[in-house]
PDB file of N, CA and C in Angstrom:
ATOM      1  N   MET A   1      31.474 -23.927  -4.661  1.00  0.00           N
ATOM      2  CA  MET A   1      32.942 -24.033  -4.502  1.00  0.00           C
ATOM      3  C   MET A   1      33.647 -23.442  -5.725  1.00  0.00           C
ATOM      4  N   LYS A   2      33.084 -23.665  -6.906  1.00  0.00           N
ATOM      5  CA  LYS A   2      33.741 -23.142  -8.176  1.00  0.00           C
ATOM      6  C   LYS A   2      33.655 -21.613  -8.109  1.00  0.00           C
ATOM      7  N   LYS A   3      32.622 -21.034  -7.549  1.00  0.00           N
ATOM      8  CA  LYS A   3      32.610 -19.573  -7.537  1.00  0.00           C
ATOM      9  C   LYS A   3      33.685 -19.016  -6.571  1.00  0.00           C
ATOM     10  N   ILE A   4      33.932 -19.673  -5.502  1.00  0.00           N
ATOM     11  CA  ILE A   4      34.933 -19.234  -4.589  1.00  0.00           C
ATOM     12  C   ILE A   4      36.288 -19.350  -5.277  1.00  0.00           C
ATOM     13  N   GLY A   5      36.530 -20.469  -5.940  1.00  0.00           N
ATOM     14  CA  GLY A   5      37.868 -20.672  -6.622  1.00  0.00           C
ATOM     15  C   GLY A   5      38.033 -19.681  -7.730  1.00  0.00           C
ATOM     16  N   LYS A   6      36.984 -19.372  -8.478  1.00  0.00           N
ATOM     17  CA  LYS A   6      37.006 -18.416  -9.486  1.00  0.00           C
ATOM     18  C   LYS A   6      37.297 -17.043  -8.961  1.00  0.00           C
ATOM     19  N   TRP A   7      36.689 -16.685  -7.841  1.00  0.00           N
ATOM     20  CA  TRP A   7      36.920 -15.373  -7.205  1.00  0.00           C
ATOM     21  C   TRP A   7      38.399 -15.210  -6.825  1.00  0.00           C
ATOM     22  N   PHE A   8      38.995 -16.278  -6.303  1.00  0.00           N
ATOM     23  CA  PHE A   8      40.377 -16.138  -5.950  1.00  0.00           C
ATOM     24  C   PHE A   8      41.306 -16.065  -7.130  1.00  0.00           C
ATOM     25  N   ILE A   9      41.022 -16.682  -8.289  1.00  0.00           N
ATOM     26  CA  ILE A   9      42.034 -16.683  -9.414  1.00  0.00           C
ATOM     27  C   ILE A   9      41.604 -15.644 -10.470  1.00  0.00           C
ATOM     28  N   GLU A  10      40.552 -14.949 -10.320  1.00  0.00           N
ATOM     29  CA  GLU A  10      40.138 -13.908 -11.309  1.00  0.00           C
ATOM     30  C   GLU A  10      41.186 -12.878 -11.513  1.00  0.00           C
ATOM     31  N   PRO A  11      41.824 -12.291 -10.504  1.00  0.00           N
ATOM     32  CA  PRO A  11      42.895 -11.286 -10.798  1.00  0.00           C
ATOM     33  C   PRO A  11      44.085 -11.815 -11.679  1.00  0.00           C
ATOM     34  N   TYR A  12      44.373 -13.122 -11.436  1.00  0.00           N
ATOM     35  CA  TYR A  12      45.438 -13.758 -12.286  1.00  0.00           C
ATOM     36  C   TYR A  12      44.978 -13.969 -13.691  1.00  0.00           C
ATOM     37  N   ILE A  13      43.727 -14.274 -13.906  1.00  0.00           N
ATOM     38  CA  ILE A  13      43.294 -14.392 -15.248  1.00  0.00           C
ATOM     39  C   ILE A  13      43.252 -13.070 -15.955  1.00  0.00           C
ATOM     40  N   ILE A  14      42.872 -12.023 -15.266  1.00  0.00           N
ATOM     41  CA  ILE A  14      42.941 -10.671 -15.854  1.00  0.00           C
ATOM     42  C   ILE A  14      44.325 -10.257 -16.166  1.00  0.00           C
ATOM     43  N   VAL A  15      45.277 -10.561 -15.230  1.00  0.00           N
ATOM     44  CA  VAL A  15      46.695 -10.239 -15.500  1.00  0.00           C
ATOM     45  C   VAL A  15      47.214 -10.873 -16.733  1.00  0.00           C
ATOM     46  N   THR A  16      46.933 -12.243 -16.891  1.00  0.00           N
ATOM     47  CA  THR A  16      47.418 -12.919 -18.056  1.00  0.00           C
ATOM     48  C   THR A  16      46.793 -12.440 -19.365  1.00  0.00           C
ATOM     49  N   GLN A  17      45.571 -12.073 -19.316  1.00  0.00           N
ATOM     50  CA  GLN A  17      44.865 -11.498 -20.504  1.00  0.00           C
ATOM     51  C   GLN A  17      45.455 -10.136 -20.840  1.00  0.00           C
ATOM     52  N   GLU A  18      45.762  -9.320 -19.808  1.00  0.00           N
ATOM     53  CA  GLU A  18      46.333  -8.005 -20.054  1.00  0.00           C
ATOM     54  C   GLU A  18      47.759  -8.178 -20.595  1.00  0.00           C
ATOM     55  N   TRP A  19      48.509  -9.141 -20.127  1.00  0.00           N
ATOM     56  CA  TRP A  19      49.846  -9.344 -20.567  1.00  0.00           C
ATOM     57  C   TRP A  19      49.816  -9.673 -22.052  1.00  0.00           C
ATOM     58  N   GLN A  20      48.936 -10.541 -22.478  1.00  0.00           N
ATOM     59  CA  GLN A  20      48.822 -10.950 -23.863  1.00  0.00           C
ATOM     60  C   GLN A  20      48.390  -9.723 -24.727  1.00  0.00           C
ATOM     61  N   LEU A  21      47.407  -8.973 -24.221  1.00  0.00           N
ATOM     62  CA  LEU A  21      46.938  -7.798 -24.921  1.00  0.00           C
ATOM     63  C   LEU A  21      48.057  -6.760 -25.128  1.00  0.00           C
ATOM     64  N   LEU A  22      48.755  -6.510 -24.029  1.00  0.00           N
ATOM     65  CA  LEU A  22      49.825  -5.449 -24.126  1.00  0.00           C
ATOM     66  C   LEU A  22      50.961  -5.962 -24.975  1.00  0.00           C
ATOM     67  N   SER A  23      51.291  -7.238 -24.961  1.00  0.00           N
ATOM     68  CA  SER A  23      52.334  -7.797 -25.900  1.00  0.00           C
ATOM     69  C   SER A  23      51.922  -7.563 -27.335  1.00  0.00           C
ATOM     70  N   GLN A  24      50.666  -7.888 -27.640  1.00  0.00           N
ATOM     71  CA  GLN A  24      50.223  -7.682 -29.034  1.00  0.00           C
ATOM     72  C   GLN A  24      50.241  -6.187 -29.385  1.00  0.00           C
ATOM     73  N   ARG A  25      49.899  -5.351 -28.487  1.00  0.00           N
ATOM     74  CA  ARG A  25      49.904  -3.936 -28.839  1.00  0.00           C
ATOM     75  C   ARG A  25      51.325  -3.400 -28.947  1.00  0.00           C
ATOM     76  N   ASN A  26      52.299  -4.022 -28.286  1.00  0.00           N
ATOM     77  CA  ASN A  26      53.620  -3.552 -28.313  1.00  0.00           C
ATOM     78  C   ASN A  26      54.272  -3.933 -29.622  1.00  0.00           C
ATOM     79  N   LYS A  27      53.781  -4.951 -30.303  1.00  0.00           N
ATOM     80  CA  LYS A  27      54.321  -5.431 -31.549  1.00  0.00           C
ATOM     81  C   LYS A  27      53.846  -4.632 -32.772  1.00  0.00           C
ATOM     82  N   GLU A  28      52.782  -3.806 -32.594  1.00  0.00           N
ATOM     83  CA  GLU A  28      52.319  -2.986 -33.688  1.00  0.00           C
ATOM     84  C   GLU A  28      53.344  -2.000 -34.145  1.00  0.00           C
ATOM     85  N   GLU A  29      53.340  -1.757 -35.460  1.00  0.00           N
ATOM     86  CA  GLU A  29      54.334  -0.843 -36.057  1.00  0.00           C
ATOM     87  C   GLU A  29      53.931   0.586 -35.897  1.00  0.00           C
ATOM     88  N   SER A  30      52.654   0.863 -35.745  1.00  0.00           N
ATOM     89  CA  SER A  30      52.214   2.240 -35.676  1.00  0.00           C
ATOM     90  C   SER A  30      52.276   2.905 -34.296  1.00  0.00           C
ATOM     91  N   ILE A  31      52.982   2.253 -33.408  1.00  0.00           N
ATOM     92  CA  ILE A  31      53.112   2.675 -32.017  1.00  0.00           C
ATOM     93  C   ILE A  31      54.376   3.471 -31.825  1.00  0.00           C
ATOM     94  N   THR A  32      54.297   4.563 -31.057  1.00  0.00           N
ATOM     95  CA  THR A  32      55.468   5.400 -30.840  1.00  0.00           C
ATOM     96  C   THR A  32      56.296   4.806 -29.688  1.00  0.00           C
ATOM     97  N   GLY A  33      57.498   5.450 -29.505  1.00  0.00           N
ATOM     98  CA  GLY A  33      58.405   4.996 -28.421  1.00  0.00           C
ATOM     99  C   GLY A  33      57.840   5.236 -27.052  1.00  0.00           C
ATOM    100  N   SER A  34      57.190   6.367 -26.912  1.00  0.00           N
ATOM    101  CA  SER A  34      56.637   6.659 -25.560  1.00  0.00           C
ATOM    102  C   SER A  34      55.528   5.750 -25.209  1.00  0.00           C
ATOM    103  N   GLU A  35      54.751   5.309 -26.226  1.00  0.00           N
ATOM    104  CA  GLU A  35      53.666   4.354 -25.983  1.00  0.00           C
ATOM    105  C   GLU A  35      54.180   3.008 -25.627  1.00  0.00           C
ATOM    106  N   LYS A  36      55.318   2.600 -26.281  1.00  0.00           N
ATOM    107  CA  LYS A  36      55.942   1.359 -25.923  1.00  0.00           C
ATOM    108  C   LYS A  36      56.465   1.385 -24.485  1.00  0.00           C
ATOM    109  N   ARG A  37      57.011   2.526 -24.083  1.00  0.00           N
ATOM    110  CA  ARG A  37      57.471   2.654 -22.660  1.00  0.00           C
ATOM    111  C   ARG A  37      56.293   2.561 -21.700  1.00  0.00           C
ATOM    112  N   ARG A  38      55.179   3.147 -22.038  1.00  0.00           N
ATOM    113  CA  ARG A  38      54.050   3.062 -21.157  1.00  0.00           C
ATOM    114  C   ARG A  38      53.469   1.689 -21.093  1.00  0.00           C
ATOM    115  N   ILE A  39      53.556   0.903 -22.239  1.00  0.00           N
ATOM    116  CA  ILE A  39      53.077  -0.472 -22.266  1.00  0.00           C
ATOM    117  C   ILE A  39      53.960  -1.266 -21.311  1.00  0.00           C
ATOM    118  N   LYS A  40      55.203  -1.060 -21.353  1.00  0.00           N
ATOM    119  CA  LYS A  40      56.142  -1.809 -20.445  1.00  0.00           C
ATOM    120  C   LYS A  40      55.862  -1.459 -18.946  1.00  0.00           C
ATOM    121  N   GLU A  41      55.515  -0.188 -18.719  1.00  0.00           N
ATOM    122  CA  GLU A  41      55.094   0.191 -17.386  1.00  0.00           C
ATOM    123  C   GLU A  41      53.868  -0.482 -16.902  1.00  0.00           C
ATOM    124  N   LEU A  42      52.937  -0.636 -17.836  1.00  0.00           N
ATOM    125  CA  LEU A  42      51.694  -1.407 -17.498  1.00  0.00           C
ATOM    126  C   LEU A  42      51.955  -2.816 -17.240  1.00  0.00           C
ATOM    127  N   LYS A  43      52.876  -3.414 -17.980  1.00  0.00           N
ATOM    128  CA  LYS A  43      53.189  -4.770 -17.756  1.00  0.00           C
ATOM    129  C   LYS A  43      53.777  -4.959 -16.349  1.00  0.00           C
ATOM    130  N   PHE A  44      54.680  -4.087 -15.970  1.00  0.00           N
ATOM    131  CA  PHE A  44      55.276  -4.162 -14.698  1.00  0.00           C
ATOM    132  C   PHE A  44      54.305  -3.939 -13.604  1.00  0.00           C
ATOM    133  N   PHE A  45      53.294  -3.025 -13.832  1.00  0.00           N
ATOM    134  CA  PHE A  45      52.211  -2.792 -12.824  1.00  0.00           C
ATOM    135  C   PHE A  45      51.419  -4.065 -12.645  1.00  0.00           C
ATOM    136  N   ASN A  46      51.116  -4.733 -13.765  1.00  0.00           N
ATOM    137  CA  ASN A  46      50.346  -6.016 -13.691  1.00  0.00           C
ATOM    138  C   ASN A  46      51.050  -7.008 -12.875  1.00  0.00           C
ATOM    139  N   ILE A  47      52.424  -7.084 -13.105  1.00  0.00           N
ATOM    140  CA  ILE A  47      53.192  -8.095 -12.290  1.00  0.00           C
ATOM    141  C   ILE A  47      53.151  -7.739 -10.801  1.00  0.00           C
ATOM    142  N   MET A  48      53.343  -6.466 -10.537  1.00  0.00           N
ATOM    143  CA  MET A  48      53.291  -6.016  -9.122  1.00  0.00           C
ATOM    144  C   MET A  48      51.946  -6.265  -8.507  1.00  0.00           C
ATOM    145  N   LEU A  49      50.914  -5.978  -9.282  1.00  0.00           N
ATOM    146  CA  LEU A  49      49.532  -6.240  -8.728  1.00  0.00           C
ATOM    147  C   LEU A  49      49.310  -7.677  -8.400  1.00  0.00           C
ATOM    148  N   ALA A  50      49.766  -8.605  -9.287  1.00  0.00           N
ATOM    149  CA  ALA A  50      49.656  -9.970  -8.998  1.00  0.00           C
ATOM    150  C   ALA A  50      50.442 -10.388  -7.776  1.00  0.00           C
ATOM    151  N   ALA A  51      51.656  -9.848  -7.624  1.00  0.00           N
ATOM    152  CA  ALA A  51      52.514 -10.172  -6.523  1.00  0.00           C
ATOM    153  C   ALA A  51      51.849  -9.717  -5.221  1.00  0.00           C
ATOM    154  N   VAL A  52      51.318  -8.503  -5.200  1.00  0.00           N
ATOM    155  CA  VAL A  52      50.681  -8.018  -3.960  1.00  0.00           C
ATOM    156  C   VAL A  52      49.406  -8.834  -3.674  1.00  0.00           C
ATOM    157  N   TYR A  53      48.672  -9.154  -4.671  1.00  0.00           N
ATOM    158  CA  TYR A  53      47.464 -10.010  -4.473  1.00  0.00           C
ATOM    159  C   TYR A  53      47.859 -11.353  -3.907  1.00  0.00           C
ATOM    160  N   THR A  54      48.895 -11.925  -4.426  1.00  0.00           N
ATOM    161  CA  THR A  54      49.393 -13.161  -3.913  1.00  0.00           C
ATOM    162  C   THR A  54      49.784 -13.084  -2.435  1.00  0.00           C
ATOM    163  N   LEU A  55      50.470 -12.008  -2.133  1.00  0.00           N
ATOM    164  CA  LEU A  55      50.859 -11.795  -0.707  1.00  0.00           C
ATOM    165  C   LEU A  55      49.602 -11.749   0.246  1.00  0.00           C
ATOM    166  N   PHE A  56      48.619 -11.008  -0.175  1.00  0.00           N
ATOM    167  CA  PHE A  56      47.409 -10.948   0.665  1.00  0.00           C
ATOM    168  C   PHE A  56      46.661 -12.244   0.671  1.00  0.00           C
ATOM    169  N   CYS A  57      46.709 -12.986  -0.479  1.00  0.00           N
ATOM    170  CA  CYS A  57      46.035 -14.263  -0.539  1.00  0.00           C
ATOM    171  C   CYS A  57      46.672 -15.255   0.406  1.00  0.00           C
ATOM    172  N   TYR A  58      47.976 -15.346   0.422  1.00  0.00           N
ATOM    173  CA  TYR A  58      48.712 -16.165   1.321  1.00  0.00           C
ATOM    174  C   TYR A  58      48.449 -15.762   2.822  1.00  0.00           C
ATOM    175  N   MET A  59      48.391 -14.508   3.096  1.00  0.00           N
ATOM    176  CA  MET A  59      48.093 -13.997   4.420  1.00  0.00           C
ATOM    177  C   MET A  59      46.700 -14.394   4.866  1.00  0.00           C
ATOM    178  N   PHE A  60      45.715 -14.259   3.896  1.00  0.00           N
ATOM    179  CA  PHE A  60      44.345 -14.663   4.230  1.00  0.00           C
ATOM    180  C   PHE A  60      44.246 -16.177   4.501  1.00  0.00           C
ATOM    181  N   LEU A  61      44.827 -16.992   3.609  1.00  0.00           N
ATOM    182  CA  LEU A  61      44.748 -18.434   3.793  1.00  0.00           C
ATOM    183  C   LEU A  61      45.486 -18.953   5.023  1.00  0.00           C
ATOM    184  N   GLY A  62      46.640 -18.364   5.310  1.00  0.00           N
ATOM    185  CA  GLY A  62      47.416 -18.731   6.460  1.00  0.00           C
ATOM    186  C   GLY A  62      46.713 -18.399   7.806  1.00  0.00           C
ATOM    187  N   ASP A  63      46.133 -17.212   7.841  1.00  0.00           N
ATOM    188  CA  ASP A  63      45.386 -16.799   8.990  1.00  0.00           C
ATOM    189  C   ASP A  63      44.111 -17.571   9.144  1.00  0.00           C
ATOM    190  N   LEU A  64      43.547 -17.982   8.013  1.00  0.00           N
ATOM    191  CA  LEU A  64      42.370 -18.779   8.025  1.00  0.00           C
ATOM    192  C   LEU A  64      42.637 -20.197   8.696  1.00  0.00           C
ATOM    193  N   VAL A  65      43.762 -20.714   8.305  1.00  0.00           N
ATOM    194  CA  VAL A  65      44.207 -22.021   8.896  1.00  0.00           C
ATOM    195  C   VAL A  65      44.392 -21.847  10.439  1.00  0.00           C
ATOM    196  N   MET A  66      45.093 -20.757  10.760  1.00  0.00           N
ATOM    197  CA  MET A  66      45.303 -20.510  12.202  1.00  0.00           C
ATOM    198  C   MET A  66      44.029 -20.269  12.953  1.00  0.00           C
ATOM    199  N   LEU A  67      43.031 -19.689  12.330  1.00  0.00           N
ATOM    200  CA  LEU A  67      41.708 -19.425  12.909  1.00  0.00           C
ATOM    201  C   LEU A  67      40.995 -20.801  13.107  1.00  0.00           C
ATOM    202  N   ILE A  68      41.084 -21.615  12.202  1.00  0.00           N
ATOM    203  CA  ILE A  68      40.454 -22.938  12.330  1.00  0.00           C
ATOM    204  C   ILE A  68      41.110 -23.768  13.467  1.00  0.00           C
ATOM    205  N   ARG A  69      42.414 -23.600  13.620  1.00  0.00           N
ATOM    206  CA  ARG A  69      43.102 -24.298  14.664  1.00  0.00           C
ATOM    207  C   ARG A  69      42.792 -23.699  16.044  1.00  0.00           C
ATOM    208  N   GLY A  70      42.128 -22.545  16.154  1.00  0.00           N
ATOM    209  CA  GLY A  70      41.697 -22.068  17.415  1.00  0.00           C
ATOM    210  C   GLY A  70      42.407 -20.778  17.831  1.00  0.00           C
ATOM    211  N   ASN A  71      43.211 -20.175  16.966  1.00  0.00           N
ATOM    212  CA  ASN A  71      43.782 -18.845  17.347  1.00  0.00           C
ATOM    213  C   ASN A  71      42.899 -17.776  16.895  1.00  0.00           C
ATOM    214  N   TRP A  72      42.139 -17.240  17.797  1.00  0.00           N
ATOM    215  CA  TRP A  72      41.067 -16.264  17.487  1.00  0.00           C
ATOM    216  C   TRP A  72      41.678 -14.882  17.113  1.00  0.00           C
ATOM    217  N   VAL A  73      42.915 -14.679  17.543  1.00  0.00           N
ATOM    218  CA  VAL A  73      43.550 -13.368  17.182  1.00  0.00           C
ATOM    219  C   VAL A  73      43.738 -13.274  15.707  1.00  0.00           C
ATOM    220  N   SER A  74      43.931 -14.355  14.990  1.00  0.00           N
ATOM    221  CA  SER A  74      44.172 -14.395  13.595  1.00  0.00           C
ATOM    222  C   SER A  74      42.854 -14.061  12.739  1.00  0.00           C
ATOM    223  N   LEU A  75      41.769 -13.811  13.464  1.00  0.00           N
ATOM    224  CA  LEU A  75      40.576 -13.295  12.795  1.00  0.00           C
ATOM    225  C   LEU A  75      40.794 -11.979  12.145  1.00  0.00           C
ATOM    226  N   MET A  76      41.570 -11.150  12.856  1.00  0.00           N
ATOM    227  CA  MET A  76      41.942  -9.786  12.311  1.00  0.00           C
ATOM    228  C   MET A  76      42.704  -9.940  10.998  1.00  0.00           C
ATOM    229  N   GLY A  77      43.643 -10.832  10.878  1.00  0.00           N
ATOM    230  CA  GLY A  77      44.383 -11.121   9.718  1.00  0.00           C
ATOM    231  C   GLY A  77      43.552 -11.607   8.582  1.00  0.00           C
ATOM    232  N   VAL A  78      42.508 -12.449   8.922  1.00  0.00           N
ATOM    233  CA  VAL A  78      41.609 -12.971   7.906  1.00  0.00           C
ATOM    234  C   VAL A  78      40.788 -11.829   7.340  1.00  0.00           C
ATOM    235  N   VAL A  79      40.262 -10.978   8.222  1.00  0.00           N
ATOM    236  CA  VAL A  79      39.415  -9.840   7.743  1.00  0.00           C
ATOM    237  C   VAL A  79      40.233  -8.865   6.954  1.00  0.00           C
ATOM    238  N   PHE A  80      41.466  -8.556   7.451  1.00  0.00           N
ATOM    239  CA  PHE A  80      42.267  -7.599   6.766  1.00  0.00           C
ATOM    240  C   PHE A  80      42.730  -8.117   5.391  1.00  0.00           C
ATOM    241  N   GLY A  81      43.118  -9.396   5.318  1.00  0.00           N
ATOM    242  CA  GLY A  81      43.503 -10.021   4.080  1.00  0.00           C
ATOM    243  C   GLY A  81      42.440 -10.046   3.076  1.00  0.00           C
ATOM    244  N   PHE A  82      41.231 -10.414   3.540  1.00  0.00           N
ATOM    245  CA  PHE A  82      40.074 -10.449   2.647  1.00  0.00           C
ATOM    246  C   PHE A  82      39.764  -9.043   2.169  1.00  0.00           C
ATOM    247  N   LEU A  83      39.755  -8.087   3.004  1.00  0.00           N
ATOM    248  CA  LEU A  83      39.464  -6.654   2.569  1.00  0.00           C
ATOM    249  C   LEU A  83      40.441  -6.177   1.597  1.00  0.00           C
ATOM    250  N   MET A  84      41.639  -6.442   1.751  1.00  0.00           N
ATOM    251  CA  MET A  84      42.768  -5.976   0.876  1.00  0.00           C
ATOM    252  C   MET A  84      42.658  -6.671  -0.515  1.00  0.00           C
ATOM    253  N   MET A  85      42.297  -7.950  -0.504  1.00  0.00           N
ATOM    254  CA  MET A  85      42.136  -8.685  -1.771  1.00  0.00           C
ATOM    255  C   MET A  85      40.925  -8.085  -2.470  1.00  0.00           C
ATOM    256  N   LEU A  86      39.896  -7.829  -1.741  1.00  0.00           N
ATOM    257  CA  LEU A  86      38.678  -7.166  -2.381  1.00  0.00           C
ATOM    258  C   LEU A  86      39.013  -5.804  -2.920  1.00  0.00           C
ATOM    259  N   LEU A  87      39.785  -5.090  -2.195  1.00  0.00           N
ATOM    260  CA  LEU A  87      40.176  -3.707  -2.624  1.00  0.00           C
ATOM    261  C   LEU A  87      41.064  -3.736  -3.932  1.00  0.00           C
ATOM    262  N   LEU A  88      41.999  -4.687  -3.932  1.00  0.00           N
ATOM    263  CA  LEU A  88      42.870  -4.856  -5.175  1.00  0.00           C
ATOM    264  C   LEU A  88      42.018  -5.310  -6.370  1.00  0.00           C
ATOM    265  N   LYS A  89      41.056  -6.188  -6.147  1.00  0.00           N
ATOM    266  CA  LYS A  89      40.248  -6.677  -7.324  1.00  0.00           C
ATOM    267  C   LYS A  89      39.389  -5.460  -7.770  1.00  0.00           C
ATOM    268  N   ARG A  90      38.873  -4.620  -6.874  1.00  0.00           N
ATOM    269  CA  ARG A  90      38.014  -3.498  -7.209  1.00  0.00           C
ATOM    270  C   ARG A  90      38.837  -2.496  -8.036  1.00  0.00           C
ATOM    271  N   ILE A  91      40.036  -2.247  -7.577  1.00  0.00           N
ATOM    272  CA  ILE A  91      40.961  -1.308  -8.285  1.00  0.00           C
ATOM    273  C   ILE A  91      41.282  -1.821  -9.648  1.00  0.00           C
ATOM    274  N   GLN A  92      41.581  -3.092  -9.762  1.00  0.00           N
ATOM    275  CA  GLN A  92      41.909  -3.665 -11.004  1.00  0.00           C
ATOM    276  C   GLN A  92      40.766  -3.549 -12.041  1.00  0.00           C
ATOM    277  N   VAL A  93      39.574  -3.879 -11.643  1.00  0.00           N
ATOM    278  CA  VAL A  93      38.480  -3.917 -12.544  1.00  0.00           C
ATOM    279  C   VAL A  93      37.842  -2.552 -12.771  1.00  0.00           C
ATOM    280  N   SER A  94      37.671  -1.744 -11.723  1.00  0.00           N
ATOM    281  CA  SER A  94      36.978  -0.502 -11.928  1.00  0.00           C
ATOM    282  C   SER A  94      37.849   0.672 -12.249  1.00  0.00           C
ATOM    283  N   ARG A  95      39.148   0.606 -11.947  1.00  0.00           N
ATOM    284  CA  ARG A  95      39.992   1.765 -12.240  1.00  0.00           C
ATOM    285  C   ARG A  95      41.000   1.410 -13.301  1.00  0.00           C
ATOM    286  N   TYR A  96      41.742   0.323 -13.175  1.00  0.00           N
ATOM    287  CA  TYR A  96      42.880   0.069 -14.151  1.00  0.00           C
ATOM    288  C   TYR A  96      42.297  -0.221 -15.570  1.00  0.00           C
ATOM    289  N   LEU A  97      41.365  -1.123 -15.654  1.00  0.00           N
ATOM    290  CA  LEU A  97      40.889  -1.562 -17.013  1.00  0.00           C
ATOM    291  C   LEU A  97      40.172  -0.427 -17.744  1.00  0.00           C
ATOM    292  N   LYS A  98      39.572   0.548 -16.974  1.00  0.00           N
ATOM    293  CA  LYS A  98      38.975   1.655 -17.682  1.00  0.00           C
ATOM    294  C   LYS A  98      39.982   2.768 -18.119  1.00  0.00           C
ATOM    295  N   ARG A  99      41.106   2.804 -17.497  1.00  0.00           N
ATOM    296  CA  ARG A  99      42.055   3.837 -17.760  1.00  0.00           C
ATOM    297  C   ARG A  99      43.288   3.419 -18.538  1.00  0.00           C
ATOM    298  N   ARG A 100      43.369   2.097 -18.936  1.00  0.00           N
ATOM    299  CA  ARG A 100      44.549   1.603 -19.566  1.00  0.00           C
ATOM    300  C   ARG A 100      44.833   2.306 -20.908  1.00  0.00           C
ATOM    301  N   ASP A 101      43.848   2.322 -21.746  1.00  0.00           N
ATOM    302  CA  ASP A 101      44.024   2.909 -23.071  1.00  0.00           C
ATOM    303  C   ASP A 101      44.374   4.364 -22.987  1.00  0.00           C
ATOM    304  N   ALA A 102      43.698   5.071 -22.083  1.00  0.00           N
ATOM    305  CA  ALA A 102      44.005   6.497 -21.872  1.00  0.00           C
ATOM    306  C   ALA A 102      45.412   6.742 -21.382  1.00  0.00           C
ATOM    307  N   TYR A 103      45.967   5.832 -20.627  1.00  0.00           N
ATOM    308  CA  TYR A 103      47.321   5.962 -20.172  1.00  0.00           C
ATOM    309  C   TYR A 103      48.308   5.735 -21.323  1.00  0.00           C
ATOM    310  N   ILE A 104      48.014   4.712 -22.113  1.00  0.00           N
ATOM    311  CA  ILE A 104      48.953   4.411 -23.193  1.00  0.00           C
ATOM    312  C   ILE A 104      48.980   5.520 -24.212  1.00  0.00           C
ATOM    313  N   LYS A 105      47.832   6.073 -24.587  1.00  0.00           N
ATOM    314  CA  LYS A 105      47.798   7.135 -25.575  1.00  0.00           C
ATOM    315  C   LYS A 105      47.990   8.504 -25.023  1.00  0.00           C
ATOM    316  N   LYS A 106      47.998   8.626 -23.635  1.00  0.00           N
ATOM    317  CA  LYS A 106      48.113   9.872 -22.925  1.00  0.00           C
ATOM    318  C   LYS A 106      47.042  10.824 -23.378  1.00  0.00           C
ATOM    319  N   ASP A 107      45.773  10.291 -23.380  1.00  0.00           N
ATOM    320  CA  ASP A 107      44.580  11.065 -23.790  1.00  0.00           C
ATOM    321  C   ASP A 107      43.498  10.814 -22.756  1.00  0.00           C
ATOM    322  N   GLU A 108      43.116  11.822 -22.062  1.00  0.00           N
ATOM    323  CA  GLU A 108      42.129  11.613 -20.948  1.00  0.00           C
ATOM    324  C   GLU A 108      40.771  11.366 -21.540  1.00  0.00           C
ATOM    325  N   THR A 109      40.518  11.706 -22.776  1.00  0.00           N
ATOM    326  CA  THR A 109      39.177  11.441 -23.343  1.00  0.00           C
ATOM    327  C   THR A 109      38.870   9.993 -23.577  1.00  0.00           C
ATOM    328  N   LEU A 110      39.846   9.132 -23.549  1.00  0.00           N
ATOM    329  CA  LEU A 110      39.668   7.674 -23.748  1.00  0.00           C
ATOM    330  C   LEU A 110      39.291   6.930 -22.436  1.00  0.00           C
ATOM    331  N   ILE A 111      39.184   7.609 -21.314  1.00  0.00           N
ATOM    332  CA  ILE A 111      38.740   7.024 -20.084  1.00  0.00           C
ATOM    333  C   ILE A 111      37.291   6.608 -20.254  1.00  0.00           C
ATOM    334  N   LYS A 112      37.034   5.218 -19.990  1.00  0.00           N
ATOM    335  CA  LYS A 112      35.654   4.719 -20.135  1.00  0.00           C
ATOM    336  C   LYS A 112      34.935   5.023 -18.885  1.00  0.00           C
ATOM    337  N   GLN A 113      33.694   5.331 -18.995  1.00  0.00           N
ATOM    338  CA  GLN A 113      32.812   5.655 -17.870  1.00  0.00           C
ATOM    339  C   GLN A 113      32.062   4.484 -17.371  1.00  0.00           C
TER     340      GLN A 113
END
């Protein structure tokens, strides 16, 4: 049960960690104005990612309740919501986290493999 709960809240944990990291980087004196703007854009992206994940999470849980009550049509919503949450998590971990520093510095060589 803990693994399931952790799976659901992992994107929120990553977003809060990213928010703290980006806030610390924004306070550095050696950062340029364009990098500060990019950091603000990444903060907004994290907020939007969490909002969209929340939307699909509510959709998944709501359709799951409907499925338990006997509405078999909601199975499509459960599957779709789960797949979209899985896709968002995959994008966040495998794409965003590897490219964050490269985006801030505008240097493609910083992309982690």
